[in-house]
Amino acid sequence: MPTKSKKTKSAGRFGARYGKKVKDKLVKVEVKQRVKQDCPFCKKKGVKRLSKGIWHCKKCDKKFASNTYYLDKEQK
């Protein structure tokens, strides 16, 4: 099984398939979705994505539904 390199990051799992532009877009989305984000309820960083559209804040212990990949800043 080949390993991913620094240059391709998480898209290295696709090898030579799909092209550079598509893999670069995928890396941008995956990096953005995996960071802790601001909770719309308590306004602290602690929200992580559990699955598609399901989010959980570790600070205020709320679980809620929202956007699929990352939370918008103007969401209430």
N, C-alpha and C. Protein backbone atom coordinates (compact mmCIF):
# COMPACT_ATOMS: atom_id res chain seq x y z
N MET A 1 0.84 -1.18 0.00
CA MET A 1 0.00 0.00 0.00
C MET A 1 0.88 1.24 0.00
N PRO A 2 0.77 2.10 -1.00
CA PRO A 2 1.59 3.31 -1.02
C PRO A 2 1.16 4.30 0.06
N THR A 3 2.13 5.07 0.53
CA THR A 3 1.83 6.06 1.55
C THR A 3 1.63 7.42 0.89
N LYS A 4 0.93 8.30 1.57
CA LYS A 4 0.71 9.63 1.02
C LYS A 4 1.92 10.51 1.28
N SER A 5 2.20 11.40 0.37
CA SER A 5 3.36 12.28 0.52
C SER A 5 2.92 13.64 1.04
N LYS A 6 3.88 14.47 1.40
CA LYS A 6 3.57 15.82 1.89
C LYS A 6 2.89 16.64 0.81
N LYS A 7 3.29 16.44 -0.42
CA LYS A 7 2.78 17.26 -1.51
C LYS A 7 1.30 17.00 -1.78
N THR A 8 0.88 15.75 -1.69
CA THR A 8 -0.51 15.43 -2.02
C THR A 8 -1.42 15.41 -0.80
N LYS A 9 -0.86 15.38 0.39
CA LYS A 9 -1.60 15.38 1.66
C LYS A 9 -2.62 14.25 1.69
N SER A 10 -3.86 14.54 2.06
CA SER A 10 -4.85 13.47 2.23
C SER A 10 -5.32 12.89 0.90
N ALA A 11 -5.10 13.59 -0.20
CA ALA A 11 -5.51 13.08 -1.51
C ALA A 11 -4.52 12.06 -2.06
N GLY A 12 -3.44 11.79 -1.35
CA GLY A 12 -2.47 10.81 -1.79
C GLY A 12 -3.03 9.41 -1.85
N ARG A 13 -4.15 9.19 -1.18
CA ARG A 13 -4.77 7.86 -1.19
C ARG A 13 -5.34 7.49 -2.56
N PHE A 14 -5.49 8.48 -3.47
CA PHE A 14 -6.04 8.21 -4.79
C PHE A 14 -4.98 7.88 -5.83
N GLY A 15 -3.71 8.06 -5.48
CA GLY A 15 -2.63 7.71 -6.41
C GLY A 15 -2.63 8.61 -7.64
N ALA A 16 -2.52 8.00 -8.81
CA ALA A 16 -2.42 8.74 -10.06
C ALA A 16 -3.79 9.03 -10.68
N ARG A 17 -4.86 8.75 -9.99
CA ARG A 17 -6.20 8.93 -10.56
C ARG A 17 -6.75 10.33 -10.28
N TYR A 18 -7.70 10.77 -11.09
CA TYR A 18 -8.57 11.95 -10.92
C TYR A 18 -7.96 13.30 -11.23
N GLY A 19 -6.66 13.48 -11.29
CA GLY A 19 -6.06 14.75 -11.67
C GLY A 19 -5.75 15.66 -10.49
N LYS A 20 -4.86 16.60 -10.74
CA LYS A 20 -4.34 17.46 -9.68
C LYS A 20 -5.38 18.45 -9.17
N LYS A 21 -6.15 19.08 -10.06
CA LYS A 21 -7.12 20.09 -9.63
C LYS A 21 -8.18 19.50 -8.71
N VAL A 22 -8.69 18.36 -9.07
CA VAL A 22 -9.72 17.71 -8.26
C VAL A 22 -9.17 17.34 -6.88
N LYS A 23 -7.96 16.81 -6.86
CA LYS A 23 -7.36 16.42 -5.57
C LYS A 23 -7.04 17.64 -4.71
N ASP A 24 -6.63 18.75 -5.33
CA ASP A 24 -6.38 19.97 -4.57
C ASP A 24 -7.66 20.51 -3.93
N LYS A 25 -8.77 20.48 -4.66
CA LYS A 25 -10.05 20.93 -4.11
C LYS A 25 -10.47 20.04 -2.94
N LEU A 26 -10.27 18.75 -3.08
CA LEU A 26 -10.61 17.81 -2.02
C LEU A 26 -9.80 18.08 -0.76
N VAL A 27 -8.52 18.35 -0.90
CA VAL A 27 -7.65 18.63 0.24
C VAL A 27 -8.12 19.88 0.97
N LYS A 28 -8.51 20.93 0.22
CA LYS A 28 -8.99 22.16 0.85
C LYS A 28 -10.23 21.90 1.70
N VAL A 29 -11.18 21.13 1.18
CA VAL A 29 -12.40 20.83 1.93
C VAL A 29 -12.08 19.99 3.15
N GLU A 30 -11.24 18.98 3.01
CA GLU A 30 -10.95 18.10 4.13
C GLU A 30 -10.18 18.80 5.24
N VAL A 31 -9.27 19.70 4.89
CA VAL A 31 -8.55 20.46 5.91
C VAL A 31 -9.50 21.35 6.67
N LYS A 32 -10.42 21.99 5.96
CA LYS A 32 -11.37 22.91 6.58
C LYS A 32 -12.37 22.18 7.48
N GLN A 33 -12.77 20.98 7.11
CA GLN A 33 -13.79 20.28 7.88
C GLN A 33 -13.23 19.60 9.13
N ARG A 34 -11.92 19.36 9.18
CA ARG A 34 -11.36 18.62 10.30
C ARG A 34 -10.87 19.49 11.45
N VAL A 35 -10.87 20.81 11.29
CA VAL A 35 -10.46 21.68 12.39
C VAL A 35 -11.64 21.94 13.32
N LYS A 36 -11.34 22.27 14.58
CA LYS A 36 -12.40 22.63 15.51
C LYS A 36 -12.95 23.98 15.11
N GLN A 37 -14.27 24.11 15.15
CA GLN A 37 -14.92 25.32 14.69
C GLN A 37 -15.69 25.99 15.82
N ASP A 38 -16.15 27.22 15.59
CA ASP A 38 -16.86 27.98 16.61
C ASP A 38 -18.29 27.47 16.77
N CYS A 39 -18.69 27.27 18.02
CA CYS A 39 -20.04 26.81 18.33
C CYS A 39 -21.02 27.98 18.18
N PRO A 40 -22.15 27.76 17.49
CA PRO A 40 -23.12 28.84 17.35
C PRO A 40 -23.87 29.14 18.65
N PHE A 41 -23.79 28.26 19.64
CA PHE A 41 -24.50 28.45 20.90
C PHE A 41 -23.63 29.11 21.96
N CYS A 42 -22.45 28.55 22.22
CA CYS A 42 -21.59 29.09 23.29
C CYS A 42 -20.45 29.96 22.76
N LYS A 43 -20.29 30.05 21.44
CA LYS A 43 -19.28 30.89 20.77
C LYS A 43 -17.84 30.51 21.07
N LYS A 44 -17.57 29.28 21.49
CA LYS A 44 -16.21 28.82 21.76
C LYS A 44 -15.80 27.78 20.72
N LYS A 45 -14.50 27.63 20.55
CA LYS A 45 -14.00 26.61 19.62
C LYS A 45 -14.12 25.25 20.30
N GLY A 46 -14.88 24.37 19.74
CA GLY A 46 -15.01 23.05 20.31
C GLY A 46 -15.92 22.16 19.51
N VAL A 47 -16.41 22.64 18.38
CA VAL A 47 -17.35 21.88 17.56
C VAL A 47 -16.57 20.99 16.59
N LYS A 48 -16.88 19.72 16.60
CA LYS A 48 -16.29 18.77 15.66
C LYS A 48 -17.40 18.10 14.87
N ARG A 49 -17.08 17.69 13.67
CA ARG A 49 -18.02 17.03 12.79
C ARG A 49 -18.08 15.55 13.13
N LEU A 50 -19.27 15.05 13.40
CA LEU A 50 -19.44 13.62 13.69
C LEU A 50 -19.68 12.84 12.41
N SER A 51 -20.58 13.34 11.58
CA SER A 51 -20.85 12.72 10.29
C SER A 51 -21.45 13.80 9.40
N LYS A 52 -21.98 13.44 8.25
CA LYS A 52 -22.51 14.44 7.31
C LYS A 52 -23.59 15.29 7.97
N GLY A 53 -23.30 16.55 8.22
CA GLY A 53 -24.29 17.47 8.75
C GLY A 53 -24.56 17.36 10.23
N ILE A 54 -23.89 16.47 10.95
CA ILE A 54 -24.08 16.31 12.39
C ILE A 54 -22.84 16.84 13.10
N TRP A 55 -23.05 17.78 14.03
CA TRP A 55 -21.96 18.44 14.74
C TRP A 55 -22.15 18.29 16.23
N HIS A 56 -21.04 18.29 16.98
CA HIS A 56 -21.09 18.16 18.44
C HIS A 56 -20.10 19.13 19.07
N CYS A 57 -20.60 19.92 20.04
CA CYS A 57 -19.75 20.86 20.77
C CYS A 57 -19.35 20.22 22.08
N LYS A 58 -18.04 20.11 22.33
CA LYS A 58 -17.56 19.50 23.56
C LYS A 58 -17.67 20.45 24.74
N LYS A 59 -17.72 21.76 24.49
CA LYS A 59 -17.77 22.73 25.57
C LYS A 59 -19.17 22.78 26.21
N CYS A 60 -20.20 22.95 25.38
CA CYS A 60 -21.57 23.04 25.93
C CYS A 60 -22.36 21.74 25.75
N ASP A 61 -21.72 20.72 25.18
CA ASP A 61 -22.29 19.37 25.02
C ASP A 61 -23.59 19.36 24.21
N LYS A 62 -23.66 20.21 23.18
CA LYS A 62 -24.84 20.22 22.31
C LYS A 62 -24.50 19.47 21.03
N LYS A 63 -25.49 18.77 20.53
CA LYS A 63 -25.38 18.08 19.25
C LYS A 63 -26.44 18.69 18.35
N PHE A 64 -26.04 19.10 17.14
CA PHE A 64 -26.98 19.78 16.27
C PHE A 64 -26.66 19.47 14.81
N ALA A 65 -27.63 19.77 13.96
CA ALA A 65 -27.48 19.57 12.52
C ALA A 65 -27.20 20.91 11.86
N SER A 66 -26.34 20.88 10.86
CA SER A 66 -25.99 22.11 10.15
C SER A 66 -25.45 21.73 8.78
N ASN A 67 -24.58 22.55 8.24
CA ASN A 67 -24.00 22.30 6.92
C ASN A 67 -23.19 21.01 6.92
N THR A 68 -22.93 20.50 5.73
CA THR A 68 -22.29 19.21 5.60
C THR A 68 -20.82 19.22 5.98
N TYR A 69 -20.02 20.12 5.43
CA TYR A 69 -18.57 20.04 5.60
C TYR A 69 -18.01 21.01 6.64
N TYR A 70 -18.53 22.22 6.73
CA TYR A 70 -18.03 23.18 7.71
C TYR A 70 -19.14 24.17 8.05
N LEU A 71 -19.02 24.79 9.22
CA LEU A 71 -20.04 25.71 9.70
C LEU A 71 -19.81 27.10 9.12
N ASP A 72 -20.89 27.78 8.79
CA ASP A 72 -20.79 29.16 8.32
C ASP A 72 -20.63 30.09 9.51
N LYS A 73 -20.02 31.25 9.28
CA LYS A 73 -19.80 32.21 10.36
C LYS A 73 -21.10 32.92 10.75
N GLU A 74 -22.00 33.19 9.80
CA GLU A 74 -23.21 33.95 10.10
C GLU A 74 -24.40 33.07 10.48
N GLN A 75 -24.16 31.84 10.85
CA GLN A 75 -25.22 30.92 11.23
C GLN A 75 -25.68 31.18 12.67
N LYS A 76 -26.98 30.98 12.93
CA LYS A 76 -27.50 31.19 14.29
C LYS A 76 -28.14 29.94 14.80
